[in-house]
Amino acid sequence: MCVEANTGLSPDMSAALEKAAREETNQRGRWVLSQLQKNLAIAGETGIPICQDTGMAVVFLELGQEVHIEGGGLYDAINEGVREGYVKGKLRCSVVGDPIERVNTGDNTPPVIYTDIVPGGTLKITLAPKGFGSENMSRIFMLKPADGLEGVKRVILQAVEEAGPNACPPLVVGVGIGGTFDKCAQLAKRALLRDIGERSPISHISALETELLEKINSLDIGAGGLGGACTAFAVNIETYPTHIAGLPVAVNICCHVNRHAVRILGEV
């Protein structure tokens, strides 16, 4: 999964890139998009990574409550999988063991792991390697309820404008609204897993996604920050109940590759 996610785009991302390259009218933006397509083709032909930043491994688990893990710890197994994937797959190892002393762990472990207990007898594993060019451009805003919907729109657009070319646009913009300081950030990260074109099932949130995508693509940041109508492929918003005194908003920006791979273990 580590090698797969880093050497090829998911079908929805490939289709989005192709559509953008076909429809972009800005000459510089169109040139960048064509280069991204060539880069993707080279990665597919040679098996080398799409990007030199092969990311910090982020793992989402949906663990069926009827599943029993045998033969060792689940997290230990995930760490070993990441270790083998990055070392044997010759992917760049970018993780430092201590954020202050900054000594590389040499095998891209540990990953960041989120676990949800769900009904059923399967284990769904979603691996999302996250490069830090885009991760560094992400933001959390602790708004007041009085800021309302307009305040939410304002800070999301602010985050994208401040990111500019640094997050390697075209982007996928993951947004979390609600919960707590930490919960909204997790929601924003999870929002990046959604397929391009898949809208929120909540009608007013779906409308907000559409509105924000149009506004972001009118900023003229464009592919590679060189201008054009394709600054973002999608704005994906996840929400959660929150406290009467708060309105947390997190914006987790992802570059044009938005890598992820999925496996389901056990009987389906």
C-alpha atoms as a PDB file:
ATOM      1  CA  MET A   1       0.000   0.000   0.000  1.00  0.00           C
ATOM      2  CA  CYS A   2       2.897   2.387   0.755  1.00  0.00           C
ATOM      3  CA  VAL A   3       4.429   1.822  -2.677  1.00  0.00           C
ATOM      4  CA  GLU A   4       1.060   1.827  -4.442  1.00  0.00           C
ATOM      5  CA  ALA A   5      -0.035   5.123  -2.923  1.00  0.00           C
ATOM      6  CA  ASN A   6       3.269   6.823  -3.732  1.00  0.00           C
ATOM      7  CA  THR A   7       3.685   5.684  -7.326  1.00  0.00           C
ATOM      8  CA  GLY A   8       0.206   6.114  -8.812  1.00  0.00           C
ATOM      9  CA  LEU A   9      -2.822   8.357  -8.456  1.00  0.00           C
ATOM     10  CA  SER A  10      -6.234   6.990  -7.571  1.00  0.00           C
ATOM     11  CA  PRO A  11      -8.622   6.901 -10.577  1.00  0.00           C
ATOM     12  CA  ASP A  12     -10.628   9.905  -9.357  1.00  0.00           C
ATOM     13  CA  MET A  13      -7.507  12.064  -8.988  1.00  0.00           C
ATOM     14  CA  SER A  14      -6.212  11.015 -12.427  1.00  0.00           C
ATOM     15  CA  ALA A  15      -9.561  11.917 -13.979  1.00  0.00           C
ATOM     16  CA  ALA A  16      -9.599  15.294 -12.207  1.00  0.00           C
ATOM     17  CA  LEU A  17      -6.093  16.116 -13.444  1.00  0.00           C
ATOM     18  CA  GLU A  18      -6.985  15.125 -17.002  1.00  0.00           C
ATOM     19  CA  LYS A  19     -10.161  17.235 -16.929  1.00  0.00           C
ATOM     20  CA  ALA A  20      -8.282  20.259 -15.560  1.00  0.00           C
ATOM     21  CA  ALA A  21      -5.592  19.975 -18.248  1.00  0.00           C
ATOM     22  CA  ARG A  22      -8.265  19.789 -20.921  1.00  0.00           C
ATOM     23  CA  GLU A  23     -10.296  22.770 -19.688  1.00  0.00           C
ATOM     24  CA  GLU A  24      -7.628  25.202 -18.408  1.00  0.00           C
ATOM     25  CA  THR A  25      -7.391  28.313 -20.592  1.00  0.00           C
ATOM     26  CA  ASN A  26      -4.488  30.027 -18.809  1.00  0.00           C
ATOM     27  CA  GLN A  27      -1.341  29.211 -20.821  1.00  0.00           C
ATOM     28  CA  ARG A  28       0.996  28.938 -17.821  1.00  0.00           C
ATOM     29  CA  GLY A  29      -1.509  26.922 -15.789  1.00  0.00           C
ATOM     30  CA  ARG A  30      -2.090  24.592 -18.742  1.00  0.00           C
ATOM     31  CA  TRP A  31       1.668  24.072 -19.086  1.00  0.00           C
ATOM     32  CA  VAL A  32       1.983  23.122 -15.388  1.00  0.00           C
ATOM     33  CA  LEU A  33      -0.895  20.680 -15.680  1.00  0.00           C
ATOM     34  CA  SER A  34       0.723  19.061 -18.726  1.00  0.00           C
ATOM     35  CA  GLN A  35       3.968  18.660 -16.769  1.00  0.00           C
ATOM     36  CA  LEU A  36       2.067  17.031 -13.899  1.00  0.00           C
ATOM     37  CA  GLN A  37       0.544  14.573 -16.370  1.00  0.00           C
ATOM     38  CA  LYS A  38       3.984  13.750 -17.786  1.00  0.00           C
ATOM     39  CA  ASN A  39       5.323  13.261 -14.274  1.00  0.00           C
ATOM     40  CA  LEU A  40       2.473  10.866 -13.502  1.00  0.00           C
ATOM     41  CA  ALA A  41       3.138   8.888 -16.688  1.00  0.00           C
ATOM     42  CA  ILE A  42       6.847   8.575 -15.848  1.00  0.00           C
ATOM     43  CA  ALA A  43       6.009   7.357 -12.336  1.00  0.00           C
ATOM     44  CA  GLY A  44       3.657   4.749 -13.768  1.00  0.00           C
ATOM     45  CA  GLU A  45       6.199   3.521 -16.321  1.00  0.00           C
ATOM     46  CA  THR A  46       9.174   3.356 -13.967  1.00  0.00           C
ATOM     47  CA  GLY A  47       7.587   2.635 -10.580  1.00  0.00           C
ATOM     48  CA  ILE A  48       9.321   5.610  -8.984  1.00  0.00           C
ATOM     49  CA  PRO A  49       7.391   7.961  -6.664  1.00  0.00           C
ATOM     50  CA  ILE A  50       5.154  10.675  -8.080  1.00  0.00           C
ATOM     51  CA  CYS A  51       6.803  13.127  -5.676  1.00  0.00           C
ATOM     52  CA  GLN A  52      10.127  13.137  -3.836  1.00  0.00           C
ATOM     53  CA  ASP A  53       8.215  13.824  -0.586  1.00  0.00           C
ATOM     54  CA  THR A  54       6.707  10.396   0.025  1.00  0.00           C
ATOM     55  CA  GLY A  55       5.010  11.716   3.130  1.00  0.00           C
ATOM     56  CA  MET A  56       4.372  10.778   6.713  1.00  0.00           C
ATOM     57  CA  ALA A  57       2.129   7.725   6.772  1.00  0.00           C
ATOM     58  CA  VAL A  58      -1.359   8.444   8.113  1.00  0.00           C
ATOM     59  CA  VAL A  59      -3.466   5.338   8.698  1.00  0.00           C
ATOM     60  CA  PHE A  60      -7.228   5.247   9.210  1.00  0.00           C
ATOM     61  CA  LEU A  61      -8.587   1.995  10.626  1.00  0.00           C
ATOM     62  CA  GLU A  62     -12.214   0.899  10.672  1.00  0.00           C
ATOM     63  CA  LEU A  63     -12.053  -2.086  13.007  1.00  0.00           C
ATOM     64  CA  GLY A  64     -15.133  -4.297  13.078  1.00  0.00           C
ATOM     65  CA  GLN A  65     -16.194  -5.025  16.643  1.00  0.00           C
ATOM     66  CA  GLU A  66     -16.350  -8.742  15.806  1.00  0.00           C
ATOM     67  CA  VAL A  67     -12.707  -8.805  14.674  1.00  0.00           C
ATOM     68  CA  HIS A  68     -10.040 -10.332  16.894  1.00  0.00           C
ATOM     69  CA  ILE A  69      -6.399  -9.649  16.037  1.00  0.00           C
ATOM     70  CA  GLU A  70      -4.100 -12.641  16.634  1.00  0.00           C
ATOM     71  CA  GLY A  71      -0.337 -13.086  16.587  1.00  0.00           C
ATOM     72  CA  GLY A  72       0.675  -9.692  17.949  1.00  0.00           C
ATOM     73  CA  GLY A  73      -0.390  -6.096  18.334  1.00  0.00           C
ATOM     74  CA  LEU A  74      -2.326  -4.371  15.559  1.00  0.00           C
ATOM     75  CA  TYR A  75      -0.324  -1.153  15.838  1.00  0.00           C
ATOM     76  CA  ASP A  76       2.927  -3.123  15.868  1.00  0.00           C
ATOM     77  CA  ALA A  77       1.861  -4.788  12.623  1.00  0.00           C
ATOM     78  CA  ILE A  78       1.020  -1.441  11.029  1.00  0.00           C
ATOM     79  CA  ASN A  79       4.386  -0.020  12.052  1.00  0.00           C
ATOM     80  CA  GLU A  80       6.119  -3.039  10.532  1.00  0.00           C
ATOM     81  CA  GLY A  81       4.116  -2.630   7.322  1.00  0.00           C
ATOM     82  CA  VAL A  82       5.126   1.014   7.035  1.00  0.00           C
ATOM     83  CA  ARG A  83       8.741   0.112   7.806  1.00  0.00           C
ATOM     84  CA  GLU A  84       8.878  -2.567   5.119  1.00  0.00           C
ATOM     85  CA  GLY A  85       6.960  -0.453   2.620  1.00  0.00           C
ATOM     86  CA  TYR A  86       9.289   2.506   2.880  1.00  0.00           C
ATOM     87  CA  VAL A  87      12.602   0.677   3.273  1.00  0.00           C
ATOM     88  CA  LYS A  88      12.060  -2.174   0.807  1.00  0.00           C
ATOM     89  CA  GLY A  89      10.091   0.085  -1.532  1.00  0.00           C
ATOM     90  CA  LYS A  90      12.995   2.563  -1.520  1.00  0.00           C
ATOM     91  CA  LEU A  91      10.702   5.438  -0.592  1.00  0.00           C
ATOM     92  CA  ARG A  92      12.118   8.539   1.089  1.00  0.00           C
ATOM     93  CA  CYS A  93      12.024   8.257   4.881  1.00  0.00           C
ATOM     94  CA  SER A  94      11.076  11.643   6.285  1.00  0.00           C
ATOM     95  CA  VAL A  95      10.124  11.034   9.925  1.00  0.00           C
ATOM     96  CA  VAL A  96      12.253  12.314  12.815  1.00  0.00           C
ATOM     97  CA  GLY A  97      11.893  10.562  16.159  1.00  0.00           C
ATOM     98  CA  ASP A  98      11.885  13.705  18.295  1.00  0.00           C
ATOM     99  CA  PRO A  99      10.451  16.986  16.989  1.00  0.00           C
ATOM    100  CA  ILE A 100      13.205  19.012  18.719  1.00  0.00           C
ATOM    101  CA  GLU A 101      16.320  16.843  18.363  1.00  0.00           C
ATOM    102  CA  ARG A 102      15.234  15.811  14.837  1.00  0.00           C
ATOM    103  CA  VAL A 103      17.070  12.529  14.286  1.00  0.00           C
ATOM    104  CA  ASN A 104      15.607  10.563  11.380  1.00  0.00           C
ATOM    105  CA  THR A 105      14.092   7.204  12.384  1.00  0.00           C
ATOM    106  CA  GLY A 106      15.376   5.748   9.118  1.00  0.00           C
ATOM    107  CA  ASP A 107      12.224   3.803   8.216  1.00  0.00           C
ATOM    108  CA  ASN A 108       9.412   6.399   8.189  1.00  0.00           C
ATOM    109  CA  THR A 109       7.910   5.083  11.412  1.00  0.00           C
ATOM    110  CA  PRO A 110       5.944   5.748  13.445  1.00  0.00           C
ATOM    111  CA  PRO A 111       2.830   6.469  11.381  1.00  0.00           C
ATOM    112  CA  VAL A 112      -0.124   8.473  12.681  1.00  0.00           C
ATOM    113  CA  ILE A 113      -2.994   6.060  13.353  1.00  0.00           C
ATOM    114  CA  TYR A 114      -6.701   6.785  13.824  1.00  0.00           C
ATOM    115  CA  THR A 115      -8.995   3.930  14.848  1.00  0.00           C
ATOM    116  CA  ASP A 116     -12.786   3.736  14.695  1.00  0.00           C
ATOM    117  CA  ILE A 117     -14.658   0.748  16.121  1.00  0.00           C
ATOM    118  CA  VAL A 118     -17.500  -0.127  13.746  1.00  0.00           C
ATOM    119  CA  PRO A 119     -20.062  -2.939  13.406  1.00  0.00           C
ATOM    120  CA  GLY A 120     -19.077  -6.052  11.473  1.00  0.00           C
ATOM    121  CA  GLY A 121     -16.287  -8.523  10.962  1.00  0.00           C
ATOM    122  CA  THR A 122     -13.816  -6.713   8.700  1.00  0.00           C
ATOM    123  CA  LEU A 123     -10.813  -4.450   9.102  1.00  0.00           C
ATOM    124  CA  LYS A 124     -10.631  -1.588   6.621  1.00  0.00           C
ATOM    125  CA  ILE A 125      -7.209   0.053   6.302  1.00  0.00           C
ATOM    126  CA  THR A 126      -6.803   3.379   4.524  1.00  0.00           C
ATOM    127  CA  LEU A 127      -3.244   4.614   4.098  1.00  0.00           C
ATOM    128  CA  ALA A 128      -2.801   8.294   3.245  1.00  0.00           C
ATOM    129  CA  PRO A 129       0.847   9.414   2.988  1.00  0.00           C
ATOM    130  CA  LYS A 130       0.886  13.173   3.663  1.00  0.00           C
ATOM    131  CA  GLY A 131       3.616  15.399   2.306  1.00  0.00           C
ATOM    132  CA  PHE A 132       4.485  18.426   4.379  1.00  0.00           C
ATOM    133  CA  GLY A 133       4.613  21.031   1.629  1.00  0.00           C
ATOM    134  CA  SER A 134       0.827  21.036   1.819  1.00  0.00           C
ATOM    135  CA  GLU A 135       0.558  19.947   5.467  1.00  0.00           C
ATOM    136  CA  ASN A 136       2.487  23.039   6.574  1.00  0.00           C
ATOM    137  CA  MET A 137      -0.141  25.235   4.907  1.00  0.00           C
ATOM    138  CA  SER A 138      -3.000  23.776   6.964  1.00  0.00           C
ATOM    139  CA  ARG A 139      -4.729  25.857   9.636  1.00  0.00           C
ATOM    140  CA  ILE A 140      -7.065  25.647  12.644  1.00  0.00           C
ATOM    141  CA  PHE A 141      -9.351  28.542  13.555  1.00  0.00           C
ATOM    142  CA  MET A 142     -11.250  28.698  16.829  1.00  0.00           C
ATOM    143  CA  LEU A 143     -14.108  30.934  15.765  1.00  0.00           C
ATOM    144  CA  LYS A 144     -16.891  32.349  17.902  1.00  0.00           C
ATOM    145  CA  PRO A 145     -20.463  31.285  17.141  1.00  0.00           C
ATOM    146  CA  ALA A 146     -21.180  34.901  16.216  1.00  0.00           C
ATOM    147  CA  ASP A 147     -18.725  34.579  13.314  1.00  0.00           C
ATOM    148  CA  GLY A 148     -21.308  32.318  11.707  1.00  0.00           C
ATOM    149  CA  LEU A 149     -21.279  30.920   8.199  1.00  0.00           C
ATOM    150  CA  GLU A 150     -19.619  33.995   6.715  1.00  0.00           C
ATOM    151  CA  GLY A 151     -16.772  33.642   9.211  1.00  0.00           C
ATOM    152  CA  VAL A 152     -16.355  29.994   8.231  1.00  0.00           C
ATOM    153  CA  LYS A 153     -16.145  30.920   4.549  1.00  0.00           C
ATOM    154  CA  ARG A 154     -13.705  33.733   5.295  1.00  0.00           C
ATOM    155  CA  VAL A 155     -11.147  31.602   7.138  1.00  0.00           C
ATOM    156  CA  ILE A 156     -11.268  28.768   4.606  1.00  0.00           C
ATOM    157  CA  LEU A 157     -10.564  31.193   1.770  1.00  0.00           C
ATOM    158  CA  GLN A 158      -7.903  32.868   3.922  1.00  0.00           C
ATOM    159  CA  ALA A 159      -6.117  29.551   4.444  1.00  0.00           C
ATOM    160  CA  VAL A 160      -6.074  28.805   0.707  1.00  0.00           C
ATOM    161  CA  GLU A 161      -4.924  32.319  -0.215  1.00  0.00           C
ATOM    162  CA  GLU A 162      -2.106  32.190   2.337  1.00  0.00           C
ATOM    163  CA  ALA A 163      -1.038  28.782   1.032  1.00  0.00           C
ATOM    164  CA  GLY A 164      -0.761  30.169  -2.501  1.00  0.00           C
ATOM    165  CA  PRO A 165       1.736  28.128  -4.522  1.00  0.00           C
ATOM    166  CA  ASN A 166       3.381  26.550  -1.455  1.00  0.00           C
ATOM    167  CA  ALA A 167       0.939  23.630  -1.219  1.00  0.00           C
ATOM    168  CA  CYS A 168       1.544  22.540  -4.855  1.00  0.00           C
ATOM    169  CA  PRO A 169      -1.846  23.343  -6.392  1.00  0.00           C
ATOM    170  CA  PRO A 170      -4.220  22.162  -7.770  1.00  0.00           C
ATOM    171  CA  LEU A 171      -5.390  21.299  -4.268  1.00  0.00           C
ATOM    172  CA  VAL A 172      -7.864  19.147  -2.470  1.00  0.00           C
ATOM    173  CA  VAL A 173      -9.117  21.199   0.467  1.00  0.00           C
ATOM    174  CA  GLY A 174     -10.251  19.141   3.447  1.00  0.00           C
ATOM    175  CA  VAL A 175     -12.345  21.026   5.999  1.00  0.00           C
ATOM    176  CA  GLY A 176     -13.553  20.034   9.445  1.00  0.00           C
ATOM    177  CA  ILE A 177     -16.216  22.096  11.189  1.00  0.00           C
ATOM    178  CA  GLY A 178     -17.332  21.469  14.758  1.00  0.00           C
ATOM    179  CA  GLY A 179     -16.229  19.182  17.557  1.00  0.00           C
ATOM    180  CA  THR A 180     -13.212  20.394  19.513  1.00  0.00           C
ATOM    181  CA  PHE A 181      -9.754  21.754  18.634  1.00  0.00           C
ATOM    182  CA  ASP A 182      -8.458  18.242  17.897  1.00  0.00           C
ATOM    183  CA  LYS A 183     -11.654  16.749  16.479  1.00  0.00           C
ATOM    184  CA  CYS A 184     -12.077  19.346  13.745  1.00  0.00           C
ATOM    185  CA  ALA A 185      -8.481  18.722  12.609  1.00  0.00           C
ATOM    186  CA  GLN A 186      -9.144  14.999  12.371  1.00  0.00           C
ATOM    187  CA  LEU A 187     -12.337  15.680  10.411  1.00  0.00           C
ATOM    188  CA  ALA A 188     -10.404  17.844   7.951  1.00  0.00           C
ATOM    189  CA  LYS A 189      -7.815  15.102   7.450  1.00  0.00           C
ATOM    190  CA  ARG A 190     -10.513  12.477   6.945  1.00  0.00           C
ATOM    191  CA  ALA A 191     -12.306  14.720   4.440  1.00  0.00           C
ATOM    192  CA  LEU A 192      -9.337  14.331   2.078  1.00  0.00           C
ATOM    193  CA  LEU A 193     -10.154  10.628   1.673  1.00  0.00           C
ATOM    194  CA  ARG A 194     -13.381  11.326  -0.165  1.00  0.00           C
ATOM    195  CA  ASP A 195     -13.406  10.735  -3.928  1.00  0.00           C
ATOM    196  CA  ILE A 196     -13.341  13.806  -6.158  1.00  0.00           C
ATOM    197  CA  GLY A 197     -16.909  14.780  -7.029  1.00  0.00           C
ATOM    198  CA  GLU A 198     -18.436  13.041  -4.019  1.00  0.00           C
ATOM    199  CA  ARG A 199     -20.417  15.664  -2.150  1.00  0.00           C
ATOM    200  CA  SER A 200     -21.537  15.806   1.469  1.00  0.00           C
ATOM    201  CA  PRO A 201     -24.882  14.053   2.046  1.00  0.00           C
ATOM    202  CA  ILE A 202     -25.987  17.116   4.066  1.00  0.00           C
ATOM    203  CA  SER A 203     -27.596  19.508   1.580  1.00  0.00           C
ATOM    204  CA  HIS A 204     -26.431  22.828   3.050  1.00  0.00           C
ATOM    205  CA  ILE A 205     -22.889  21.483   3.491  1.00  0.00           C
ATOM    206  CA  SER A 206     -22.867  20.212  -0.093  1.00  0.00           C
ATOM    207  CA  ALA A 207     -23.952  23.676  -1.252  1.00  0.00           C
ATOM    208  CA  LEU A 208     -21.145  25.214   0.832  1.00  0.00           C
ATOM    209  CA  GLU A 209     -18.593  22.876  -0.781  1.00  0.00           C
ATOM    210  CA  THR A 210     -19.742  23.964  -4.233  1.00  0.00           C
ATOM    211  CA  GLU A 211     -19.697  27.668  -3.345  1.00  0.00           C
ATOM    212  CA  LEU A 212     -16.228  27.536  -1.812  1.00  0.00           C
ATOM    213  CA  LEU A 213     -14.776  25.574  -4.736  1.00  0.00           C
ATOM    214  CA  GLU A 214     -16.024  28.248  -7.130  1.00  0.00           C
ATOM    215  CA  LYS A 215     -14.580  31.039  -4.969  1.00  0.00           C
ATOM    216  CA  ILE A 216     -11.228  29.286  -4.573  1.00  0.00           C
ATOM    217  CA  ASN A 217     -10.962  28.717  -8.308  1.00  0.00           C
ATOM    218  CA  SER A 218     -11.644  32.406  -8.902  1.00  0.00           C
ATOM    219  CA  LEU A 219      -8.543  33.392  -6.872  1.00  0.00           C
ATOM    220  CA  ASP A 220      -6.317  32.921  -9.962  1.00  0.00           C
ATOM    221  CA  ILE A 221      -3.671  31.034  -7.981  1.00  0.00           C
ATOM    222  CA  GLY A 222      -3.864  28.207 -10.500  1.00  0.00           C
ATOM    223  CA  ALA A 223      -1.711  25.146 -11.092  1.00  0.00           C
ATOM    224  CA  GLY A 224       1.733  25.607  -9.572  1.00  0.00           C
ATOM    225  CA  GLY A 225       0.683  29.078  -8.433  1.00  0.00           C
ATOM    226  CA  LEU A 226       1.178  30.407 -11.978  1.00  0.00           C
ATOM    227  CA  GLY A 227      -2.422  31.465 -12.551  1.00  0.00           C
ATOM    228  CA  GLY A 228      -5.524  29.887 -13.991  1.00  0.00           C
ATOM    229  CA  ALA A 229      -8.954  28.593 -13.144  1.00  0.00           C
ATOM    230  CA  CYS A 230      -7.859  25.367 -11.456  1.00  0.00           C
ATOM    231  CA  THR A 231      -6.588  26.147  -7.970  1.00  0.00           C
ATOM    232  CA  ALA A 232      -8.518  23.266  -6.387  1.00  0.00           C
ATOM    233  CA  PHE A 233     -10.091  20.033  -7.569  1.00  0.00           C
ATOM    234  CA  ALA A 234     -12.449  19.790  -4.609  1.00  0.00           C
ATOM    235  CA  VAL A 235     -13.506  21.195  -1.257  1.00  0.00           C
ATOM    236  CA  ASN A 236     -14.605  18.380   1.055  1.00  0.00           C
ATOM    237  CA  ILE A 237     -16.266  19.304   4.353  1.00  0.00           C
ATOM    238  CA  GLU A 238     -16.962  17.043   7.337  1.00  0.00           C
ATOM    239  CA  THR A 239     -18.931  18.273  10.350  1.00  0.00           C
ATOM    240  CA  TYR A 240     -19.498  17.234  13.973  1.00  0.00           C
ATOM    241  CA  PRO A 241     -21.637  18.573  16.844  1.00  0.00           C
ATOM    242  CA  THR A 242     -19.883  21.212  18.928  1.00  0.00           C
ATOM    243  CA  HIS A 243     -20.210  23.276  22.118  1.00  0.00           C
ATOM    244  CA  ILE A 244     -22.596  26.242  22.309  1.00  0.00           C
ATOM    245  CA  ALA A 245     -19.636  28.579  22.869  1.00  0.00           C
ATOM    246  CA  GLY A 246     -17.466  27.445  19.967  1.00  0.00           C
ATOM    247  CA  LEU A 247     -17.144  27.102  16.211  1.00  0.00           C
ATOM    248  CA  PRO A 248     -13.886  25.247  15.427  1.00  0.00           C
ATOM    249  CA  VAL A 249     -12.802  25.157  11.785  1.00  0.00           C
ATOM    250  CA  ALA A 250      -9.804  23.211  10.457  1.00  0.00           C
ATOM    251  CA  VAL A 251      -8.438  23.403   6.915  1.00  0.00           C
ATOM    252  CA  ASN A 252      -6.168  20.527   5.903  1.00  0.00           C
ATOM    253  CA  ILE A 253      -4.773  21.270   2.469  1.00  0.00           C
ATOM    254  CA  CYS A 254      -3.464  18.528   0.203  1.00  0.00           C
ATOM    255  CA  CYS A 255      -1.487  18.841  -3.005  1.00  0.00           C
ATOM    256  CA  HIS A 256      -2.610  17.567  -6.403  1.00  0.00           C
ATOM    257  CA  VAL A 257      -1.633  13.934  -5.729  1.00  0.00           C
ATOM    258  CA  ASN A 258      -3.805  13.402  -2.599  1.00  0.00           C
ATOM    259  CA  ARG A 259      -2.404   9.887  -2.171  1.00  0.00           C
ATOM    260  CA  HIS A 260      -4.287   7.046  -0.565  1.00  0.00           C
ATOM    261  CA  ALA A 261      -4.675   3.279  -0.796  1.00  0.00           C
ATOM    262  CA  VAL A 262      -7.374   1.055   0.723  1.00  0.00           C
ATOM    263  CA  ARG A 263      -7.581  -2.597   1.767  1.00  0.00           C
ATOM    264  CA  ILE A 264     -10.350  -4.537   3.473  1.00  0.00           C
ATOM    265  CA  LEU A 265      -9.331  -7.647   5.436  1.00  0.00           C
ATOM    266  CA  GLY A 266     -11.710 -10.372   6.535  1.00  0.00           C
ATOM    267  CA  GLU A 267     -15.020 -11.596   5.191  1.00  0.00           C
ATOM    268  CA  VAL A 268     -17.100  -8.978   3.375  1.00  0.00           C
END
